[in-house]
PDB file of N, CA and C in Angstrom:
ATOM      1  N   MET A   1     -10.851  -4.012  -3.585  1.00  0.00           N
ATOM      2  CA  MET A   1     -10.591  -3.699  -2.200  1.00  0.00           C
ATOM      3  C   MET A   1     -10.237  -4.979  -1.461  1.00  0.00           C
ATOM      4  N   GLN A   2      -9.238  -4.865  -0.626  1.00  0.00           N
ATOM      5  CA  GLN A   2      -8.824  -5.992   0.202  1.00  0.00           C
ATOM      6  C   GLN A   2      -8.680  -5.508   1.640  1.00  0.00           C
ATOM      7  N   LYS A   3      -9.332  -6.189   2.572  1.00  0.00           N
ATOM      8  CA  LYS A   3      -9.222  -5.843   3.983  1.00  0.00           C
ATOM      9  C   LYS A   3      -8.019  -6.579   4.568  1.00  0.00           C
ATOM     10  N   LEU A   4      -7.199  -5.861   5.338  1.00  0.00           N
ATOM     11  CA  LEU A   4      -5.989  -6.456   5.898  1.00  0.00           C
ATOM     12  C   LEU A   4      -5.966  -6.319   7.415  1.00  0.00           C
ATOM     13  N   LYS A   5      -5.639  -7.424   8.067  1.00  0.00           N
ATOM     14  CA  LYS A   5      -5.447  -7.420   9.512  1.00  0.00           C
ATOM     15  C   LYS A   5      -3.947  -7.313   9.784  1.00  0.00           C
ATOM     16  N   GLN A   6      -3.573  -7.147  11.045  1.00  0.00           N
ATOM     17  CA  GLN A   6      -2.182  -6.902  11.416  1.00  0.00           C
ATOM     18  C   GLN A   6      -1.182  -7.880  10.789  1.00  0.00           C
ATOM     19  N   PRO A   7      -1.423  -9.204  10.812  1.00  0.00           N
ATOM     20  CA  PRO A   7      -0.409 -10.124  10.251  1.00  0.00           C
ATOM     21  C   PRO A   7      -0.109  -9.910   8.765  1.00  0.00           C
ATOM     22  N   ALA A   8      -1.041  -9.354   8.012  1.00  0.00           N
ATOM     23  CA  ALA A   8      -0.853  -9.175   6.564  1.00  0.00           C
ATOM     24  C   ALA A   8      -0.181  -7.851   6.205  1.00  0.00           C
ATOM     25  N   ILE A   9      -0.049  -6.958   7.164  1.00  0.00           N
ATOM     26  CA  ILE A   9       0.450  -5.610   6.857  1.00  0.00           C
ATOM     27  C   ILE A   9       1.900  -5.624   6.386  1.00  0.00           C
ATOM     28  N   LYS A  10       2.761  -6.381   7.028  1.00  0.00           N
ATOM     29  CA  LYS A  10       4.168  -6.430   6.612  1.00  0.00           C
ATOM     30  C   LYS A  10       4.288  -6.981   5.192  1.00  0.00           C
ATOM     31  N   GLY A  11       3.487  -7.985   4.884  1.00  0.00           N
ATOM     32  CA  GLY A  11       3.523  -8.576   3.541  1.00  0.00           C
ATOM     33  C   GLY A  11       3.123  -7.590   2.468  1.00  0.00           C
ATOM     34  N   ILE A  12       2.091  -6.787   2.715  1.00  0.00           N
ATOM     35  CA  ILE A  12       1.658  -5.808   1.716  1.00  0.00           C
ATOM     36  C   ILE A  12       2.693  -4.694   1.585  1.00  0.00           C
ATOM     37  N   GLN A  13       3.370  -4.360   2.682  1.00  0.00           N
ATOM     38  CA  GLN A  13       4.454  -3.369   2.619  1.00  0.00           C
ATOM     39  C   GLN A  13       5.592  -3.892   1.736  1.00  0.00           C
ATOM     40  N   ILE A  14       5.996  -5.129   1.951  1.00  0.00           N
ATOM     41  CA  ILE A  14       7.068  -5.728   1.155  1.00  0.00           C
ATOM     42  C   ILE A  14       6.679  -5.740  -0.318  1.00  0.00           C
ATOM     43  N   HIS A  15       5.431  -6.093  -0.615  1.00  0.00           N
ATOM     44  CA  HIS A  15       4.954  -6.130  -1.996  1.00  0.00           C
ATOM     45  C   HIS A  15       4.913  -4.729  -2.611  1.00  0.00           C
ATOM     46  N   ASN A  16       4.261  -3.784  -1.928  1.00  0.00           N
ATOM     47  CA  ASN A  16       4.078  -2.442  -2.485  1.00  0.00           C
ATOM     48  C   ASN A  16       5.401  -1.703  -2.673  1.00  0.00           C
ATOM     49  N   GLN A  17       6.307  -1.852  -1.736  1.00  0.00           N
ATOM     50  CA  GLN A  17       7.572  -1.115  -1.787  1.00  0.00           C
ATOM     51  C   GLN A  17       8.689  -1.927  -2.453  1.00  0.00           C
ATOM     52  N   ARG A  18       8.338  -3.102  -2.983  1.00  0.00           N
ATOM     53  CA  ARG A  18       9.282  -3.980  -3.693  1.00  0.00           C
ATOM     54  C   ARG A  18      10.548  -4.210  -2.872  1.00  0.00           C
ATOM     55  N   GLU A  19      10.357  -4.587  -1.598  1.00  0.00           N
ATOM     56  CA  GLU A  19      11.479  -4.795  -0.696  1.00  0.00           C
ATOM     57  C   GLU A  19      12.188  -6.129  -0.947  1.00  0.00           C
ATOM     58  N   LYS A  20      11.491  -7.066  -1.574  1.00  0.00           N
ATOM     59  CA  LYS A  20      12.073  -8.363  -1.926  1.00  0.00           C
ATOM     60  C   LYS A  20      11.627  -8.720  -3.337  1.00  0.00           C
ATOM     61  N   GLU A  21      12.394  -9.557  -4.002  1.00  0.00           N
ATOM     62  CA  GLU A  21      11.997 -10.015  -5.334  1.00  0.00           C
ATOM     63  C   GLU A  21      10.873 -11.043  -5.182  1.00  0.00           C
ATOM     64  N   SER A  22       9.818 -10.878  -5.939  1.00  0.00           N
ATOM     65  CA  SER A  22       8.666 -11.770  -5.847  1.00  0.00           C
ATOM     66  C   SER A  22       8.998 -13.141  -6.431  1.00  0.00           C
ATOM     67  N   GLN A  23       8.655 -14.178  -5.676  1.00  0.00           N
ATOM     68  CA  GLN A  23       8.823 -15.552  -6.145  1.00  0.00           C
ATOM     69  C   GLN A  23       7.520 -16.101  -6.722  1.00  0.00           C
ATOM     70  N   THR A  24       6.415 -15.375  -6.490  1.00  0.00           N
ATOM     71  CA  THR A  24       5.102 -15.895  -6.878  1.00  0.00           C
ATOM     72  C   THR A  24       4.427 -15.100  -7.985  1.00  0.00           C
ATOM     73  N   ASN A  25       4.920 -13.912  -8.308  1.00  0.00           N
ATOM     74  CA  ASN A  25       4.270 -13.098  -9.335  1.00  0.00           C
ATOM     75  C   ASN A  25       5.258 -12.803 -10.465  1.00  0.00           C
ATOM     76  N   PRO A  26       5.235 -13.587 -11.520  1.00  0.00           N
ATOM     77  CA  PRO A  26       6.177 -13.389 -12.632  1.00  0.00           C
ATOM     78  C   PRO A  26       5.898 -12.126 -13.446  1.00  0.00           C
ATOM     79  N   ASP A  27       4.743 -11.473 -13.221  1.00  0.00           N
ATOM     80  CA  ASP A  27       4.395 -10.275 -13.976  1.00  0.00           C
ATOM     81  C   ASP A  27       5.119  -9.023 -13.481  1.00  0.00           C
ATOM     82  N   ILE A  28       5.736  -9.095 -12.311  1.00  0.00           N
ATOM     83  CA  ILE A  28       6.449  -7.927 -11.782  1.00  0.00           C
ATOM     84  C   ILE A  28       7.765  -7.766 -12.524  1.00  0.00           C
ATOM     85  N   ASP A  29       7.935  -6.617 -13.157  1.00  0.00           N
ATOM     86  CA  ASP A  29       9.161  -6.277 -13.881  1.00  0.00           C
ATOM     87  C   ASP A  29      10.005  -5.390 -12.968  1.00  0.00           C
ATOM     88  N   GLY A  30      10.987  -5.984 -12.307  1.00  0.00           N
ATOM     89  CA  GLY A  30      11.835  -5.259 -11.365  1.00  0.00           C
ATOM     90  C   GLY A  30      12.546  -4.071 -11.984  1.00  0.00           C
ATOM     91  N   GLY A  31      12.785  -4.112 -13.272  1.00  0.00           N
ATOM     92  CA  GLY A  31      13.443  -3.008 -13.962  1.00  0.00           C
ATOM     93  C   GLY A  31      12.581  -1.760 -14.071  1.00  0.00           C
ATOM     94  N   ARG A  32      11.293  -1.896 -13.801  1.00  0.00           N
ATOM     95  CA  ARG A  32      10.379  -0.750 -13.859  1.00  0.00           C
ATOM     96  C   ARG A  32       9.954  -0.263 -12.476  1.00  0.00           C
ATOM     97  N   SER A  33      10.437  -0.921 -11.423  1.00  0.00           N
ATOM     98  CA  SER A  33      10.029  -0.573 -10.057  1.00  0.00           C
ATOM     99  C   SER A  33      10.368   0.867  -9.691  1.00  0.00           C
ATOM    100  N   HIS A  34      11.397   1.425 -10.307  1.00  0.00           N
ATOM    101  CA  HIS A  34      11.763   2.817 -10.020  1.00  0.00           C
ATOM    102  C   HIS A  34      10.669   3.794 -10.480  1.00  0.00           C
ATOM    103  N   LEU A  35       9.747   3.326 -11.305  1.00  0.00           N
ATOM    104  CA  LEU A  35       8.652   4.171 -11.774  1.00  0.00           C
ATOM    105  C   LEU A  35       7.474   4.200 -10.788  1.00  0.00           C
ATOM    106  N   ASN A  36       7.488   3.315  -9.812  1.00  0.00           N
ATOM    107  CA  ASN A  36       6.415   3.287  -8.805  1.00  0.00           C
ATOM    108  C   ASN A  36       6.480   4.533  -7.939  1.00  0.00           C
ATOM    109  N   TYR A  37       5.335   4.950  -7.427  1.00  0.00           N
ATOM    110  CA  TYR A  37       5.303   6.105  -6.536  1.00  0.00           C
ATOM    111  C   TYR A  37       4.180   5.946  -5.526  1.00  0.00           C
ATOM    112  N   ASP A  38       4.328   6.642  -4.432  1.00  0.00           N
ATOM    113  CA  ASP A  38       3.348   6.650  -3.350  1.00  0.00           C
ATOM    114  C   ASP A  38       2.705   8.031  -3.356  1.00  0.00           C
ATOM    115  N   LEU A  39       1.399   8.092  -3.419  1.00  0.00           N
ATOM    116  CA  LEU A  39       0.712   9.378  -3.499  1.00  0.00           C
ATOM    117  C   LEU A  39       0.701  10.131  -2.176  1.00  0.00           C
ATOM    118  N   VAL A  40       1.029   9.471  -1.076  1.00  0.00           N
ATOM    119  CA  VAL A  40       0.953  10.093   0.244  1.00  0.00           C
ATOM    120  C   VAL A  40       2.321  10.306   0.866  1.00  0.00           C
ATOM    121  N   ASN A  41       3.185   9.316   0.778  1.00  0.00           N
ATOM    122  CA  ASN A  41       4.482   9.354   1.454  1.00  0.00           C
ATOM    123  C   ASN A  41       5.612   9.544   0.446  1.00  0.00           C
ATOM    124  N   PRO A  42       6.492  10.531   0.668  1.00  0.00           N
ATOM    125  CA  PRO A  42       7.547  10.807  -0.295  1.00  0.00           C
ATOM    126  C   PRO A  42       8.667   9.758  -0.323  1.00  0.00           C
ATOM    127  N   SER A  43       8.772   8.942   0.722  1.00  0.00           N
ATOM    128  CA  SER A  43       9.791   7.895   0.769  1.00  0.00           C
ATOM    129  C   SER A  43       9.189   6.666   1.445  1.00  0.00           C
ATOM    130  N   PRO A  44       9.859   5.515   1.321  1.00  0.00           N
ATOM    131  CA  PRO A  44       9.314   4.292   1.929  1.00  0.00           C
ATOM    132  C   PRO A  44       9.075   4.457   3.431  1.00  0.00           C
ATOM    133  N   ILE A  45       8.023   3.802   3.914  1.00  0.00           N
ATOM    134  CA  ILE A  45       7.658   3.891   5.332  1.00  0.00           C
ATOM    135  C   ILE A  45       7.481   2.493   5.908  1.00  0.00           C
ATOM    136  N   ASP A  46       7.409   2.412   7.225  1.00  0.00           N
ATOM    137  CA  ASP A  46       7.048   1.181   7.922  1.00  0.00           C
ATOM    138  C   ASP A  46       5.532   1.225   8.100  1.00  0.00           C
ATOM    139  N   TYR A  47       4.819   0.385   7.363  1.00  0.00           N
ATOM    140  CA  TYR A  47       3.353   0.422   7.378  1.00  0.00           C
ATOM    141  C   TYR A  47       2.793   0.224   8.782  1.00  0.00           C
ATOM    142  N   SER A  48       3.266  -0.775   9.501  1.00  0.00           N
ATOM    143  CA  SER A  48       2.730  -1.060  10.835  1.00  0.00           C
ATOM    144  C   SER A  48       2.918   0.125  11.762  1.00  0.00           C
ATOM    145  N   GLU A  49       4.092   0.717  11.722  1.00  0.00           N
ATOM    146  CA  GLU A  49       4.371   1.874  12.574  1.00  0.00           C
ATOM    147  C   GLU A  49       3.426   3.027  12.253  1.00  0.00           C
ATOM    148  N   LYS A  50       3.267   3.317  10.980  1.00  0.00           N
ATOM    149  CA  LYS A  50       2.405   4.419  10.560  1.00  0.00           C
ATOM    150  C   LYS A  50       0.933   4.146  10.912  1.00  0.00           C
ATOM    151  N   ILE A  51       0.469   2.947  10.657  1.00  0.00           N
ATOM    152  CA  ILE A  51      -0.925   2.586  10.928  1.00  0.00           C
ATOM    153  C   ILE A  51      -1.207   2.646  12.423  1.00  0.00           C
ATOM    154  N   ASN A  52      -0.327   2.063  13.217  1.00  0.00           N
ATOM    155  CA  ASN A  52      -0.534   2.070  14.668  1.00  0.00           C
ATOM    156  C   ASN A  52      -0.502   3.489  15.229  1.00  0.00           C
ATOM    157  N   LYS A  53       0.346   4.340  14.690  1.00  0.00           N
ATOM    158  CA  LYS A  53       0.395   5.741  15.124  1.00  0.00           C
ATOM    159  C   LYS A  53      -0.915   6.451  14.775  1.00  0.00           C
ATOM    160  N   MET A  54      -1.431   6.204  13.571  1.00  0.00           N
ATOM    161  CA  MET A  54      -2.692   6.820  13.161  1.00  0.00           C
ATOM    162  C   MET A  54      -3.845   6.361  14.041  1.00  0.00           C
ATOM    163  N   ILE A  55      -3.879   5.079  14.371  1.00  0.00           N
ATOM    164  CA  ILE A  55      -4.937   4.556  15.243  1.00  0.00           C
ATOM    165  C   ILE A  55      -4.826   5.205  16.620  1.00  0.00           C
ATOM    166  N   GLU A  56      -3.617   5.260  17.138  1.00  0.00           N
ATOM    167  CA  GLU A  56      -3.389   5.858  18.462  1.00  0.00           C
ATOM    168  C   GLU A  56      -3.845   7.316  18.505  1.00  0.00           C
ATOM    169  N   GLU A  57      -3.576   8.063  17.449  1.00  0.00           N
ATOM    170  CA  GLU A  57      -3.921   9.482  17.407  1.00  0.00           C
ATOM    171  C   GLU A  57      -5.403   9.741  17.137  1.00  0.00           C
ATOM    172  N   ARG A  58      -6.057   8.850  16.408  1.00  0.00           N
ATOM    173  CA  ARG A  58      -7.402   9.143  15.922  1.00  0.00           C
ATOM    174  C   ARG A  58      -8.541   8.397  16.608  1.00  0.00           C
ATOM    175  N   VAL A  59      -8.263   7.244  17.196  1.00  0.00           N
ATOM    176  CA  VAL A  59      -9.327   6.479  17.835  1.00  0.00           C
ATOM    177  C   VAL A  59      -9.546   7.039  19.235  1.00  0.00           C
ATOM    178  N   THR A  60     -10.754   7.499  19.485  1.00  0.00           N
ATOM    179  CA  THR A  60     -11.054   8.177  20.750  1.00  0.00           C
ATOM    180  C   THR A  60     -12.139   7.474  21.559  1.00  0.00           C
ATOM    181  N   THR A  61     -12.418   6.224  21.246  1.00  0.00           N
ATOM    182  CA  THR A  61     -13.495   5.509  21.935  1.00  0.00           C
ATOM    183  C   THR A  61     -13.117   5.103  23.350  1.00  0.00           C
ATOM    184  N   GLY A  62     -11.819   5.031  23.653  1.00  0.00           N
ATOM    185  CA  GLY A  62     -11.380   4.578  24.959  1.00  0.00           C
ATOM    186  C   GLY A  62     -11.341   3.066  25.069  1.00  0.00           C
ATOM    187  N   LYS A  63     -11.757   2.367  24.027  1.00  0.00           N
ATOM    188  CA  LYS A  63     -11.740   0.906  24.011  1.00  0.00           C
ATOM    189  C   LYS A  63     -10.485   0.417  23.301  1.00  0.00           C
ATOM    190  N   ALA A  64     -10.020  -0.742  23.706  1.00  0.00           N
ATOM    191  CA  ALA A  64      -8.854  -1.353  23.054  1.00  0.00           C
ATOM    192  C   ALA A  64      -9.244  -1.821  21.650  1.00  0.00           C
ATOM    193  N   ILE A  65      -8.299  -1.769  20.753  1.00  0.00           N
ATOM    194  CA  ILE A  65      -8.511  -2.277  19.392  1.00  0.00           C
ATOM    195  C   ILE A  65      -8.409  -3.797  19.441  1.00  0.00           C
ATOM    196  N   ARG A  66      -9.365  -4.466  18.858  1.00  0.00           N
ATOM    197  CA  ARG A  66      -9.355  -5.932  18.845  1.00  0.00           C
ATOM    198  C   ARG A  66      -8.112  -6.457  18.128  1.00  0.00           C
ATOM    199  N   LYS A  67      -7.596  -7.576  18.593  1.00  0.00           N
ATOM    200  CA  LYS A  67      -6.414  -8.185  17.970  1.00  0.00           C
ATOM    201  C   LYS A  67      -6.693  -8.620  16.543  1.00  0.00           C
ATOM    202  N   ASP A  68      -7.939  -8.980  16.252  1.00  0.00           N
ATOM    203  CA  ASP A  68      -8.293  -9.436  14.905  1.00  0.00           C
ATOM    204  C   ASP A  68      -8.968  -8.341  14.070  1.00  0.00           C
ATOM    205  N   ALA A  69      -8.781  -7.083  14.459  1.00  0.00           N
ATOM    206  CA  ALA A  69      -9.412  -5.962  13.748  1.00  0.00           C
ATOM    207  C   ALA A  69      -8.808  -5.769  12.359  1.00  0.00           C
ATOM    208  N   VAL A  70      -9.638  -5.353  11.426  1.00  0.00           N
ATOM    209  CA  VAL A  70      -9.144  -4.932  10.118  1.00  0.00           C
ATOM    210  C   VAL A  70      -8.497  -3.564  10.319  1.00  0.00           C
ATOM    211  N   LYS A  71      -7.228  -3.445   9.949  1.00  0.00           N
ATOM    212  CA  LYS A  71      -6.502  -2.196  10.169  1.00  0.00           C
ATOM    213  C   LYS A  71      -6.296  -1.393   8.894  1.00  0.00           C
ATOM    214  N   VAL A  72      -6.382  -2.047   7.746  1.00  0.00           N
ATOM    215  CA  VAL A  72      -6.115  -1.369   6.475  1.00  0.00           C
ATOM    216  C   VAL A  72      -7.063  -1.906   5.409  1.00  0.00           C
ATOM    217  N   ALA A  73      -7.484  -1.030   4.539  1.00  0.00           N
ATOM    218  CA  ALA A  73      -8.196  -1.438   3.335  1.00  0.00           C
ATOM    219  C   ALA A  73      -7.315  -1.042   2.157  1.00  0.00           C
ATOM    220  N   SER A  74      -6.927  -2.021   1.368  1.00  0.00           N
ATOM    221  CA  SER A  74      -6.053  -1.797   0.222  1.00  0.00           C
ATOM    222  C   SER A  74      -6.906  -1.752  -1.047  1.00  0.00           C
ATOM    223  N   PHE A  75      -6.681  -0.738  -1.868  1.00  0.00           N
ATOM    224  CA  PHE A  75      -7.449  -0.574  -3.099  1.00  0.00           C
ATOM    225  C   PHE A  75      -6.522  -0.603  -4.311  1.00  0.00           C
ATOM    226  N   LEU A  76      -6.985  -1.170  -5.392  1.00  0.00           N
ATOM    227  CA  LEU A  76      -6.257  -1.181  -6.654  1.00  0.00           C
ATOM    228  C   LEU A  76      -7.143  -0.506  -7.694  1.00  0.00           C
ATOM    229  N   VAL A  77      -6.626   0.549  -8.302  1.00  0.00           N
ATOM    230  CA  VAL A  77      -7.344   1.265  -9.346  1.00  0.00           C
ATOM    231  C   VAL A  77      -6.551   1.080 -10.632  1.00  0.00           C
ATOM    232  N   THR A  78      -7.210   0.647 -11.680  1.00  0.00           N
ATOM    233  CA  THR A  78      -6.484   0.351 -12.915  1.00  0.00           C
ATOM    234  C   THR A  78      -7.362   0.624 -14.143  1.00  0.00           C
ATOM    235  N   SER A  79      -6.726   0.593 -15.281  1.00  0.00           N
ATOM    236  CA  SER A  79      -7.413   0.737 -16.555  1.00  0.00           C
ATOM    237  C   SER A  79      -6.508   0.108 -17.617  1.00  0.00           C
ATOM    238  N   ASP A  80      -6.957   0.134 -18.855  1.00  0.00           N
ATOM    239  CA  ASP A  80      -6.084  -0.388 -19.898  1.00  0.00           C
ATOM    240  C   ASP A  80      -4.944   0.600 -20.158  1.00  0.00           C
ATOM    241  N   SER A  81      -3.873   0.125 -20.758  1.00  0.00           N
ATOM    242  CA  SER A  81      -2.689   0.969 -20.954  1.00  0.00           C
ATOM    243  C   SER A  81      -2.952   2.150 -21.884  1.00  0.00           C
ATOM    244  N   GLU A  82      -3.863   2.005 -22.831  1.00  0.00           N
ATOM    245  CA  GLU A  82      -4.175   3.107 -23.754  1.00  0.00           C
ATOM    246  C   GLU A  82      -4.677   4.338 -22.998  1.00  0.00           C
ATOM    247  N   TYR A  83      -5.502   4.128 -22.007  1.00  0.00           N
ATOM    248  CA  TYR A  83      -6.025   5.236 -21.205  1.00  0.00           C
ATOM    249  C   TYR A  83      -4.876   6.014 -20.552  1.00  0.00           C
ATOM    250  N   PHE A  84      -3.935   5.315 -19.959  1.00  0.00           N
ATOM    251  CA  PHE A  84      -2.827   5.969 -19.261  1.00  0.00           C
ATOM    252  C   PHE A  84      -1.837   6.638 -20.208  1.00  0.00           C
ATOM    253  N   HIS A  85      -1.696   6.150 -21.428  1.00  0.00           N
ATOM    254  CA  HIS A  85      -0.767   6.759 -22.393  1.00  0.00           C
ATOM    255  C   HIS A  85      -1.178   8.178 -22.766  1.00  0.00           C
ATOM    256  N   ASN A  86      -2.439   8.502 -22.633  1.00  0.00           N
ATOM    257  CA  ASN A  86      -2.933   9.812 -23.014  1.00  0.00           C
ATOM    258  C   ASN A  86      -2.919  10.823 -21.867  1.00  0.00           C
ATOM    259  N   LEU A  87      -2.416  10.415 -20.696  1.00  0.00           N
ATOM    260  CA  LEU A  87      -2.386  11.299 -19.537  1.00  0.00           C
ATOM    261  C   LEU A  87      -0.982  11.808 -19.256  1.00  0.00           C
ATOM    262  N   SER A  88      -0.913  13.028 -18.783  1.00  0.00           N
ATOM    263  CA  SER A  88       0.382  13.548 -18.314  1.00  0.00           C
ATOM    264  C   SER A  88       0.663  12.888 -16.956  1.00  0.00           C
ATOM    265  N   GLU A  89       1.888  13.002 -16.474  1.00  0.00           N
ATOM    266  CA  GLU A  89       2.237  12.425 -15.180  1.00  0.00           C
ATOM    267  C   GLU A  89       1.365  13.021 -14.062  1.00  0.00           C
ATOM    268  N   LYS A  90       1.116  14.311 -14.124  1.00  0.00           N
ATOM    269  CA  LYS A  90       0.288  14.969 -13.125  1.00  0.00           C
ATOM    270  C   LYS A  90      -1.156  14.447 -13.182  1.00  0.00           C
ATOM    271  N   GLU A  91      -1.713  14.302 -14.396  1.00  0.00           N
ATOM    272  CA  GLU A  91      -3.073  13.800 -14.544  1.00  0.00           C
ATOM    273  C   GLU A  91      -3.188  12.363 -14.046  1.00  0.00           C
ATOM    274  N   GLU A  92      -2.167  11.566 -14.313  1.00  0.00           N
ATOM    275  CA  GLU A  92      -2.160  10.172 -13.880  1.00  0.00           C
ATOM    276  C   GLU A  92      -2.232  10.093 -12.354  1.00  0.00           C
ATOM    277  N   LYS A  93      -1.420  10.883 -11.693  1.00  0.00           N
ATOM    278  CA  LYS A  93      -1.399  10.871 -10.219  1.00  0.00           C
ATOM    279  C   LYS A  93      -2.678  11.439  -9.671  1.00  0.00           C
TER     280      LYS A  93
END
């Protein structure tokens, strides 16, 4: 789990949606990026826009959101490749 504040949101969007070629992570195989998928959104989104809209719709305290507030928690779930080879695409998702 990684907590993200507003300044980090654009960076995680660029990373997750492969909007730019990574200069720092040689393990990313750009030829396989078409296999990536989002479990919630059917097409790429603007993370900041979506997050701010969700906060606006759901926060009912009447108080302003702090400028240094954590806005997103990013999670990575993984296993060894053998585990995933035995799953159908539906089971994997």
